[in-house]
Amino acid sequence: MAAFALFKFVQSIGSATAFLYSATLNLHYQLYLLAVIASMATICFCFVESNSRLGALGLEKSDSQQDIVGSNPKRTEHYGTSEERKGDTEICIN
């Protein structure tokens, strides 16, 4: 609900601003301004989306694509000692 209210607020501010400058700027300048703002919005969206996906995967910003691709997928890591598992099957991640 809060995200929708914020969206409507920003949309209203943009509409009011466009209404104010529409009488003073020619159509070509209005279209140039629209193209610049749309390009900035696309770049910001891509930045936020990539950060969101990295956060959902549990990766930090310092992880590079080379580190992710260069890791050995066949390596097996064991978690816990036999005393901690107490007879459970061995936990392995492949």
PDB file of N, CA and C in Angstrom:
ATOM      1  N   MET A   1       0.813  -1.185   0.000  1.00  0.00           N
ATOM      2  CA  MET A   1       0.000   0.000   0.000  1.00  0.00           C
ATOM      3  C   MET A   1       0.866   1.262   0.000  1.00  0.00           C
ATOM      4  N   ALA A   2       1.955   1.231   0.783  1.00  0.00           N
ATOM      5  CA  ALA A   2       2.828   2.399   0.854  1.00  0.00           C
ATOM      6  C   ALA A   2       3.547   2.628  -0.475  1.00  0.00           C
ATOM      7  N   ALA A   3       3.921   1.544  -1.166  1.00  0.00           N
ATOM      8  CA  ALA A   3       4.614   1.687  -2.446  1.00  0.00           C
ATOM      9  C   ALA A   3       3.686   2.321  -3.483  1.00  0.00           C
ATOM     10  N   PHE A   4       2.405   1.938  -3.475  1.00  0.00           N
ATOM     11  CA  PHE A   4       1.458   2.523  -4.414  1.00  0.00           C
ATOM     12  C   PHE A   4       1.258   4.004  -4.118  1.00  0.00           C
ATOM     13  N   ALA A   5       1.168   4.383  -2.855  1.00  0.00           N
ATOM     14  CA  ALA A   5       1.002   5.789  -2.477  1.00  0.00           C
ATOM     15  C   ALA A   5       2.219   6.604  -2.905  1.00  0.00           C
ATOM     16  N   LEU A   6       3.402   6.038  -2.721  1.00  0.00           N
ATOM     17  CA  LEU A   6       4.622   6.732  -3.139  1.00  0.00           C
ATOM     18  C   LEU A   6       4.662   6.893  -4.650  1.00  0.00           C
ATOM     19  N   PHE A   7       4.269   5.854  -5.381  1.00  0.00           N
ATOM     20  CA  PHE A   7       4.214   5.934  -6.840  1.00  0.00           C
ATOM     21  C   PHE A   7       3.257   7.023  -7.298  1.00  0.00           C
ATOM     22  N   LYS A   8       2.065   7.066  -6.706  1.00  0.00           N
ATOM     23  CA  LYS A   8       1.081   8.084  -7.095  1.00  0.00           C
ATOM     24  C   LYS A   8       1.574   9.491  -6.757  1.00  0.00           C
ATOM     25  N   PHE A   9       2.285   9.627  -5.635  1.00  0.00           N
ATOM     26  CA  PHE A   9       2.830  10.925  -5.249  1.00  0.00           C
ATOM     27  C   PHE A   9       3.848  11.409  -6.275  1.00  0.00           C
ATOM     28  N   VAL A  10       4.785  10.540  -6.643  1.00  0.00           N
ATOM     29  CA  VAL A  10       5.812  10.913  -7.620  1.00  0.00           C
ATOM     30  C   VAL A  10       5.179  11.185  -8.980  1.00  0.00           C
ATOM     31  N   GLN A  11       4.187  10.399  -9.355  1.00  0.00           N
ATOM     32  CA  GLN A  11       3.502  10.613 -10.624  1.00  0.00           C
ATOM     33  C   GLN A  11       2.778  11.960 -10.635  1.00  0.00           C
ATOM     34  N   SER A  12       2.171  12.327  -9.542  1.00  0.00           N
ATOM     35  CA  SER A  12       1.472  13.612  -9.455  1.00  0.00           C
ATOM     36  C   SER A  12       2.442  14.783  -9.518  1.00  0.00           C
ATOM     37  N   ILE A  13       3.575  14.649  -8.841  1.00  0.00           N
ATOM     38  CA  ILE A  13       4.596  15.706  -8.903  1.00  0.00           C
ATOM     39  C   ILE A  13       5.093  15.864 -10.338  1.00  0.00           C
ATOM     40  N   GLY A  14       5.343  14.757 -11.017  1.00  0.00           N
ATOM     41  CA  GLY A  14       5.788  14.819 -12.410  1.00  0.00           C
ATOM     42  C   GLY A  14       4.755  15.438 -13.330  1.00  0.00           C
ATOM     43  N   SER A  15       3.501  15.100 -13.124  1.00  0.00           N
ATOM     44  CA  SER A  15       2.437  15.675 -13.950  1.00  0.00           C
ATOM     45  C   SER A  15       2.297  17.175 -13.722  1.00  0.00           C
ATOM     46  N   ALA A  16       2.377  17.589 -12.469  1.00  0.00           N
ATOM     47  CA  ALA A  16       2.280  19.019 -12.159  1.00  0.00           C
ATOM     48  C   ALA A  16       3.456  19.796 -12.751  1.00  0.00           C
ATOM     49  N   THR A  17       4.640  19.219 -12.660  1.00  0.00           N
ATOM     50  CA  THR A  17       5.823  19.871 -13.227  1.00  0.00           C
ATOM     51  C   THR A  17       5.714  19.968 -14.748  1.00  0.00           C
ATOM     52  N   ALA A  18       5.275  18.892 -15.390  1.00  0.00           N
ATOM     53  CA  ALA A  18       5.108  18.910 -16.845  1.00  0.00           C
ATOM     54  C   ALA A  18       4.048  19.922 -17.265  1.00  0.00           C
ATOM     55  N   PHE A  19       2.998  20.048 -16.477  1.00  0.00           N
ATOM     56  CA  PHE A  19       1.958  21.028 -16.782  1.00  0.00           C
ATOM     57  C   PHE A  19       2.514  22.443 -16.704  1.00  0.00           C
ATOM     58  N   LEU A  20       3.390  22.709 -15.739  1.00  0.00           N
ATOM     59  CA  LEU A  20       3.949  24.051 -15.579  1.00  0.00           C
ATOM     60  C   LEU A  20       4.912  24.415 -16.700  1.00  0.00           C
ATOM     61  N   TYR A  21       5.776  23.489 -17.118  1.00  0.00           N
ATOM     62  CA  TYR A  21       6.741  23.862 -18.155  1.00  0.00           C
ATOM     63  C   TYR A  21       6.200  23.670 -19.568  1.00  0.00           C
ATOM     64  N   SER A  22       5.046  23.071 -19.736  1.00  0.00           N
ATOM     65  CA  SER A  22       4.525  22.828 -21.084  1.00  0.00           C
ATOM     66  C   SER A  22       4.185  24.121 -21.824  1.00  0.00           C
ATOM     67  N   ALA A  23       3.844  25.149 -21.100  1.00  0.00           N
ATOM     68  CA  ALA A  23       3.503  26.417 -21.749  1.00  0.00           C
ATOM     69  C   ALA A  23       4.749  27.180 -22.195  1.00  0.00           C
ATOM     70  N   THR A  24       5.889  26.896 -21.591  1.00  0.00           N
ATOM     71  CA  THR A  24       7.094  27.665 -21.907  1.00  0.00           C
ATOM     72  C   THR A  24       8.057  26.935 -22.853  1.00  0.00           C
ATOM     73  N   LEU A  25       8.094  25.618 -22.834  1.00  0.00           N
ATOM     74  CA  LEU A  25       9.018  24.874 -23.682  1.00  0.00           C
ATOM     75  C   LEU A  25       8.341  24.409 -24.964  1.00  0.00           C
ATOM     76  N   ASN A  26       9.110  24.414 -26.041  1.00  0.00           N
ATOM     77  CA  ASN A  26       8.612  23.869 -27.300  1.00  0.00           C
ATOM     78  C   ASN A  26       8.507  22.348 -27.198  1.00  0.00           C
ATOM     79  N   LEU A  27       7.783  21.754 -28.126  1.00  0.00           N
ATOM     80  CA  LEU A  27       7.560  20.311 -28.103  1.00  0.00           C
ATOM     81  C   LEU A  27       8.863  19.532 -28.212  1.00  0.00           C
ATOM     82  N   HIS A  28       9.789  20.015 -29.049  1.00  0.00           N
ATOM     83  CA  HIS A  28      11.057  19.308 -29.205  1.00  0.00           C
ATOM     84  C   HIS A  28      11.826  19.244 -27.881  1.00  0.00           C
ATOM     85  N   TYR A  29      11.867  20.340 -27.149  1.00  0.00           N
ATOM     86  CA  TYR A  29      12.560  20.360 -25.870  1.00  0.00           C
ATOM     87  C   TYR A  29      11.840  19.484 -24.838  1.00  0.00           C
ATOM     88  N   GLN A  30      10.533  19.452 -24.896  1.00  0.00           N
ATOM     89  CA  GLN A  30       9.771  18.589 -23.991  1.00  0.00           C
ATOM     90  C   GLN A  30      10.094  17.109 -24.259  1.00  0.00           C
ATOM     91  N   LEU A  31      10.206  16.759 -25.543  1.00  0.00           N
ATOM     92  CA  LEU A  31      10.535  15.382 -25.894  1.00  0.00           C
ATOM     93  C   LEU A  31      11.971  15.029 -25.506  1.00  0.00           C
ATOM     94  N   TYR A  32      12.910  15.977 -25.668  1.00  0.00           N
ATOM     95  CA  TYR A  32      14.286  15.740 -25.226  1.00  0.00           C
ATOM     96  C   TYR A  32      14.327  15.517 -23.722  1.00  0.00           C
ATOM     97  N   LEU A  33      13.598  16.337 -22.985  1.00  0.00           N
ATOM     98  CA  LEU A  33      13.545  16.202 -21.537  1.00  0.00           C
ATOM     99  C   LEU A  33      12.934  14.851 -21.139  1.00  0.00           C
ATOM    100  N   LEU A  34      11.887  14.456 -21.828  1.00  0.00           N
ATOM    101  CA  LEU A  34      11.255  13.165 -21.573  1.00  0.00           C
ATOM    102  C   LEU A  34      12.220  12.009 -21.854  1.00  0.00           C
ATOM    103  N   ALA A  35      12.985  12.104 -22.931  1.00  0.00           N
ATOM    104  CA  ALA A  35      13.950  11.051 -23.273  1.00  0.00           C
ATOM    105  C   ALA A  35      15.049  10.944 -22.217  1.00  0.00           C
ATOM    106  N   VAL A  36      15.530  12.073 -21.721  1.00  0.00           N
ATOM    107  CA  VAL A  36      16.577  12.068 -20.695  1.00  0.00           C
ATOM    108  C   VAL A  36      16.048  11.454 -19.401  1.00  0.00           C
ATOM    109  N   ILE A  37      14.864  11.865 -18.985  1.00  0.00           N
ATOM    110  CA  ILE A  37      14.293  11.350 -17.745  1.00  0.00           C
ATOM    111  C   ILE A  37      13.980   9.860 -17.867  1.00  0.00           C
ATOM    112  N   ALA A  38      13.477   9.425 -19.011  1.00  0.00           N
ATOM    113  CA  ALA A  38      13.187   7.999 -19.213  1.00  0.00           C
ATOM    114  C   ALA A  38      14.473   7.174 -19.218  1.00  0.00           C
ATOM    115  N   SER A  39      15.542   7.707 -19.799  1.00  0.00           N
ATOM    116  CA  SER A  39      16.825   7.003 -19.795  1.00  0.00           C
ATOM    117  C   SER A  39      17.381   6.877 -18.380  1.00  0.00           C
ATOM    118  N   MET A  40      17.300   7.956 -17.603  1.00  0.00           N
ATOM    119  CA  MET A  40      17.760   7.909 -16.214  1.00  0.00           C
ATOM    120  C   MET A  40      16.930   6.916 -15.405  1.00  0.00           C
ATOM    121  N   ALA A  41      15.623   6.871 -15.639  1.00  0.00           N
ATOM    122  CA  ALA A  41      14.762   5.928 -14.923  1.00  0.00           C
ATOM    123  C   ALA A  41      15.110   4.491 -15.269  1.00  0.00           C
ATOM    124  N   THR A  42      15.430   4.220 -16.530  1.00  0.00           N
ATOM    125  CA  THR A  42      15.817   2.868 -16.946  1.00  0.00           C
ATOM    126  C   THR A  42      17.121   2.447 -16.294  1.00  0.00           C
ATOM    127  N   ILE A  43      18.094   3.336 -16.248  1.00  0.00           N
ATOM    128  CA  ILE A  43      19.379   3.034 -15.620  1.00  0.00           C
ATOM    129  C   ILE A  43      19.194   2.773 -14.127  1.00  0.00           C
ATOM    130  N   CYS A  44      18.402   3.599 -13.467  1.00  0.00           N
ATOM    131  CA  CYS A  44      18.154   3.404 -12.034  1.00  0.00           C
ATOM    132  C   CYS A  44      17.422   2.094 -11.784  1.00  0.00           C
ATOM    133  N   PHE A  45      16.460   1.752 -12.621  1.00  0.00           N
ATOM    134  CA  PHE A  45      15.740   0.493 -12.461  1.00  0.00           C
ATOM    135  C   PHE A  45      16.673  -0.696 -12.596  1.00  0.00           C
ATOM    136  N   CYS A  46      17.549  -0.656 -13.601  1.00  0.00           N
ATOM    137  CA  CYS A  46      18.491  -1.767 -13.799  1.00  0.00           C
ATOM    138  C   CYS A  46      19.442  -1.896 -12.616  1.00  0.00           C
ATOM    139  N   PHE A  47      19.886  -0.776 -12.073  1.00  0.00           N
ATOM    140  CA  PHE A  47      20.782  -0.790 -10.915  1.00  0.00           C
ATOM    141  C   PHE A  47      20.090  -1.408  -9.699  1.00  0.00           C
ATOM    142  N   VAL A  48      18.877  -0.973  -9.419  1.00  0.00           N
ATOM    143  CA  VAL A  48      18.142  -1.496  -8.267  1.00  0.00           C
ATOM    144  C   VAL A  48      17.796  -2.971  -8.468  1.00  0.00           C
ATOM    145  N   GLU A  49      17.417  -3.349  -9.672  1.00  0.00           N
ATOM    146  CA  GLU A  49      17.075  -4.746  -9.957  1.00  0.00           C
ATOM    147  C   GLU A  49      18.283  -5.657  -9.770  1.00  0.00           C
ATOM    148  N   SER A  50      19.449  -5.235 -10.247  1.00  0.00           N
ATOM    149  CA  SER A  50      20.640  -6.075 -10.091  1.00  0.00           C
ATOM    150  C   SER A  50      21.032  -6.195  -8.626  1.00  0.00           C
ATOM    151  N   ASN A  51      20.937  -5.113  -7.868  1.00  0.00           N
ATOM    152  CA  ASN A  51      21.232  -5.180  -6.440  1.00  0.00           C
ATOM    153  C   ASN A  51      20.235  -6.064  -5.711  1.00  0.00           C
ATOM    154  N   SER A  52      18.985  -6.002  -6.112  1.00  0.00           N
ATOM    155  CA  SER A  52      17.954  -6.824  -5.488  1.00  0.00           C
ATOM    156  C   SER A  52      18.196  -8.299  -5.758  1.00  0.00           C
ATOM    157  N   ARG A  53      18.556  -8.646  -6.978  1.00  0.00           N
ATOM    158  CA  ARG A  53      18.816 -10.051  -7.322  1.00  0.00           C
ATOM    159  C   ARG A  53      20.055 -10.575  -6.606  1.00  0.00           C
ATOM    160  N   LEU A  54      21.097  -9.752  -6.506  1.00  0.00           N
ATOM    161  CA  LEU A  54      22.290 -10.176  -5.778  1.00  0.00           C
ATOM    162  C   LEU A  54      21.978 -10.358  -4.300  1.00  0.00           C
ATOM    163  N   GLY A  55      21.149  -9.494  -3.740  1.00  0.00           N
ATOM    164  CA  GLY A  55      20.761  -9.626  -2.342  1.00  0.00           C
ATOM    165  C   GLY A  55      19.931 -10.864  -2.101  1.00  0.00           C
ATOM    166  N   ALA A  56      19.071 -11.217  -3.052  1.00  0.00           N
ATOM    167  CA  ALA A  56      18.243 -12.407  -2.900  1.00  0.00           C
ATOM    168  C   ALA A  56      19.086 -13.677  -2.985  1.00  0.00           C
ATOM    169  N   LEU A  57      20.189 -13.624  -3.719  1.00  0.00           N
ATOM    170  CA  LEU A  57      21.075 -14.779  -3.826  1.00  0.00           C
ATOM    171  C   LEU A  57      22.054 -14.868  -2.664  1.00  0.00           C
ATOM    172  N   GLY A  58      22.091 -13.821  -1.850  1.00  0.00           N
ATOM    173  CA  GLY A  58      23.009 -13.812  -0.717  1.00  0.00           C
ATOM    174  C   GLY A  58      24.417 -13.405  -1.086  1.00  0.00           C
ATOM    175  N   LEU A  59      24.579 -12.782  -2.226  1.00  0.00           N
ATOM    176  CA  LEU A  59      25.895 -12.341  -2.661  1.00  0.00           C
ATOM    177  C   LEU A  59      26.097 -10.893  -2.282  1.00  0.00           C
ATOM    178  N   GLU A  60      27.329 -10.534  -2.022  1.00  0.00           N
ATOM    179  CA  GLU A  60      27.652  -9.154  -1.713  1.00  0.00           C
ATOM    180  C   GLU A  60      28.095  -8.445  -2.976  1.00  0.00           C
ATOM    181  N   LYS A  61      28.174  -7.125  -2.887  1.00  0.00           N
ATOM    182  CA  LYS A  61      28.606  -6.350  -4.043  1.00  0.00           C
ATOM    183  C   LYS A  61      30.044  -6.662  -4.426  1.00  0.00           C
ATOM    184  N   SER A  62      30.873  -7.084  -3.466  1.00  0.00           N
ATOM    185  CA  SER A  62      32.277  -7.337  -3.752  1.00  0.00           C
ATOM    186  C   SER A  62      32.481  -8.611  -4.560  1.00  0.00           C
ATOM    187  N   ASP A  63      31.488  -9.490  -4.593  1.00  0.00           N
ATOM    188  CA  ASP A  63      31.613 -10.700  -5.399  1.00  0.00           C
ATOM    189  C   ASP A  63      31.598 -10.327  -6.875  1.00  0.00           C
ATOM    190  N   SER A  64      32.604 -10.746  -7.581  1.00  0.00           N
ATOM    191  CA  SER A  64      32.656 -10.438  -9.001  1.00  0.00           C
ATOM    192  C   SER A  64      32.104 -11.606  -9.797  1.00  0.00           C
ATOM    193  N   GLN A  65      31.784 -11.358 -11.020  1.00  0.00           N
ATOM    194  CA  GLN A  65      31.270 -12.412 -11.894  1.00  0.00           C
ATOM    195  C   GLN A  65      32.328 -13.489 -12.079  1.00  0.00           C
ATOM    196  N   GLN A  66      33.593 -13.117 -12.083  1.00  0.00           N
ATOM    197  CA  GLN A  66      34.673 -14.091 -12.236  1.00  0.00           C
ATOM    198  C   GLN A  66      34.698 -15.041 -11.044  1.00  0.00           C
ATOM    199  N   ASP A  67      34.490 -14.537  -9.839  1.00  0.00           N
ATOM    200  CA  ASP A  67      34.483 -15.389  -8.658  1.00  0.00           C
ATOM    201  C   ASP A  67      33.343 -16.396  -8.721  1.00  0.00           C
ATOM    202  N   ILE A  68      32.201 -15.965  -9.227  1.00  0.00           N
ATOM    203  CA  ILE A  68      31.041 -16.838  -9.300  1.00  0.00           C
ATOM    204  C   ILE A  68      31.266 -17.917 -10.355  1.00  0.00           C
ATOM    205  N   VAL A  69      31.749 -17.522 -11.533  1.00  0.00           N
ATOM    206  CA  VAL A  69      31.962 -18.464 -12.620  1.00  0.00           C
ATOM    207  C   VAL A  69      33.172 -19.340 -12.341  1.00  0.00           C
ATOM    208  N   GLY A  70      34.207 -18.782 -11.709  1.00  0.00           N
ATOM    209  CA  GLY A  70      35.438 -19.510 -11.492  1.00  0.00           C
ATOM    210  C   GLY A  70      35.390 -20.510 -10.357  1.00  0.00           C
ATOM    211  N   SER A  71      34.333 -20.550  -9.565  1.00  0.00           N
ATOM    212  CA  SER A  71      34.281 -21.498  -8.459  1.00  0.00           C
ATOM    213  C   SER A  71      34.101 -22.915  -8.992  1.00  0.00           C
ATOM    214  N   ASN A  72      34.597 -23.881  -8.246  1.00  0.00           N
ATOM    215  CA  ASN A  72      34.547 -25.275  -8.668  1.00  0.00           C
ATOM    216  C   ASN A  72      33.205 -25.877  -8.252  1.00  0.00           C
ATOM    217  N   PRO A  73      32.302 -26.161  -9.184  1.00  0.00           N
ATOM    218  CA  PRO A  73      30.988 -26.671  -8.811  1.00  0.00           C
ATOM    219  C   PRO A  73      31.015 -28.113  -8.320  1.00  0.00           C
ATOM    220  N   LYS A  74      32.098 -28.867  -8.585  1.00  0.00           N
ATOM    221  CA  LYS A  74      32.165 -30.262  -8.179  1.00  0.00           C
ATOM    222  C   LYS A  74      32.748 -30.431  -6.787  1.00  0.00           C
ATOM    223  N   ARG A  75      33.203 -29.355  -6.183  1.00  0.00           N
ATOM    224  CA  ARG A  75      33.776 -29.417  -4.849  1.00  0.00           C
ATOM    225  C   ARG A  75      32.671 -29.735  -3.839  1.00  0.00           C
ATOM    226  N   THR A  76      32.966 -30.589  -2.918  1.00  0.00           N
ATOM    227  CA  THR A  76      31.988 -30.987  -1.911  1.00  0.00           C
ATOM    228  C   THR A  76      32.409 -30.409  -0.569  1.00  0.00           C
ATOM    229  N   GLU A  77      31.483 -29.729   0.098  1.00  0.00           N
ATOM    230  CA  GLU A  77      31.768 -29.176   1.411  1.00  0.00           C
ATOM    231  C   GLU A  77      30.946 -29.929   2.440  1.00  0.00           C
ATOM    232  N   HIS A  78      31.567 -30.261   3.559  1.00  0.00           N
ATOM    233  CA  HIS A  78      30.900 -30.976   4.630  1.00  0.00           C
ATOM    234  C   HIS A  78      30.668 -30.005   5.783  1.00  0.00           C
ATOM    235  N   TYR A  79      29.508 -30.089   6.376  1.00  0.00           N
ATOM    236  CA  TYR A  79      29.165 -29.209   7.488  1.00  0.00           C
ATOM    237  C   TYR A  79      28.903 -30.045   8.730  1.00  0.00           C
ATOM    238  N   GLY A  80      29.534 -29.670   9.819  1.00  0.00           N
ATOM    239  CA  GLY A  80      29.321 -30.340  11.087  1.00  0.00           C
ATOM    240  C   GLY A  80      30.222 -31.543  11.262  1.00  0.00           C
ATOM    241  N   THR A  81      30.540 -31.858  12.503  1.00  0.00           N
ATOM    242  CA  THR A  81      31.331 -33.037  12.793  1.00  0.00           C
ATOM    243  C   THR A  81      30.400 -34.204  13.050  1.00  0.00           C
ATOM    244  N   SER A  82      30.974 -35.391  13.143  1.00  0.00           N
ATOM    245  CA  SER A  82      30.145 -36.576  13.370  1.00  0.00           C
ATOM    246  C   SER A  82      29.464 -36.507  14.730  1.00  0.00           C
ATOM    247  N   GLU A  83      30.121 -35.857  15.699  1.00  0.00           N
ATOM    248  CA  GLU A  83      29.507 -35.720  17.017  1.00  0.00           C
ATOM    249  C   GLU A  83      28.303 -34.795  16.969  1.00  0.00           C
ATOM    250  N   GLU A  84      28.366 -33.751  16.145  1.00  0.00           N
ATOM    251  CA  GLU A  84      27.242 -32.821  16.028  1.00  0.00           C
ATOM    252  C   GLU A  84      26.063 -33.472  15.328  1.00  0.00           C
ATOM    253  N   ARG A  85      26.340 -34.361  14.371  1.00  0.00           N
ATOM    254  CA  ARG A  85      25.252 -34.986  13.617  1.00  0.00           C
ATOM    255  C   ARG A  85      24.603 -36.110  14.388  1.00  0.00           C
ATOM    256  N   LYS A  86      25.358 -36.795  15.255  1.00  0.00           N
ATOM    257  CA  LYS A  86      24.863 -37.875  16.107  1.00  0.00           C
ATOM    258  C   LYS A  86      24.070 -38.916  15.337  1.00  0.00           C
ATOM    259  N   GLY A  87      24.714 -39.520  14.368  1.00  0.00           N
ATOM    260  CA  GLY A  87      24.086 -40.615  13.662  1.00  0.00           C
ATOM    261  C   GLY A  87      23.292 -40.201  12.435  1.00  0.00           C
ATOM    262  N   ASP A  88      23.116 -38.915  12.202  1.00  0.00           N
ATOM    263  CA  ASP A  88      22.418 -38.485  10.989  1.00  0.00           C
ATOM    264  C   ASP A  88      23.294 -38.755   9.773  1.00  0.00           C
ATOM    265  N   THR A  89      22.682 -38.762   8.636  1.00  0.00           N
ATOM    266  CA  THR A  89      23.462 -38.944   7.412  1.00  0.00           C
ATOM    267  C   THR A  89      24.327 -37.730   7.191  1.00  0.00           C
ATOM    268  N   GLU A  90      25.394 -37.919   6.461  1.00  0.00           N
ATOM    269  CA  GLU A  90      26.345 -36.846   6.221  1.00  0.00           C
ATOM    270  C   GLU A  90      25.722 -35.794   5.309  1.00  0.00           C
ATOM    271  N   ILE A  91      25.928 -34.539   5.645  1.00  0.00           N
ATOM    272  CA  ILE A  91      25.368 -33.418   4.870  1.00  0.00           C
ATOM    273  C   ILE A  91      26.431 -32.949   3.909  1.00  0.00           C
ATOM    274  N   CYS A  92      26.148 -33.026   2.625  1.00  0.00           N
ATOM    275  CA  CYS A  92      27.083 -32.598   1.591  1.00  0.00           C
ATOM    276  C   CYS A  92      26.383 -31.658   0.637  1.00  0.00           C
ATOM    277  N   ILE A  93      27.112 -30.684   0.166  1.00  0.00           N
ATOM    278  CA  ILE A  93      26.613 -29.772  -0.856  1.00  0.00           C
ATOM    279  C   ILE A  93      27.475 -29.955  -2.088  1.00  0.00           C
ATOM    280  N   ASN A  94      26.869 -30.339  -3.177  1.00  0.00           N
ATOM    281  CA  ASN A  94      27.621 -30.561  -4.422  1.00  0.00           C
ATOM    282  C   ASN A  94      27.512 -29.368  -5.310  1.00  0.00           C
TER     283      ASN A  94
END
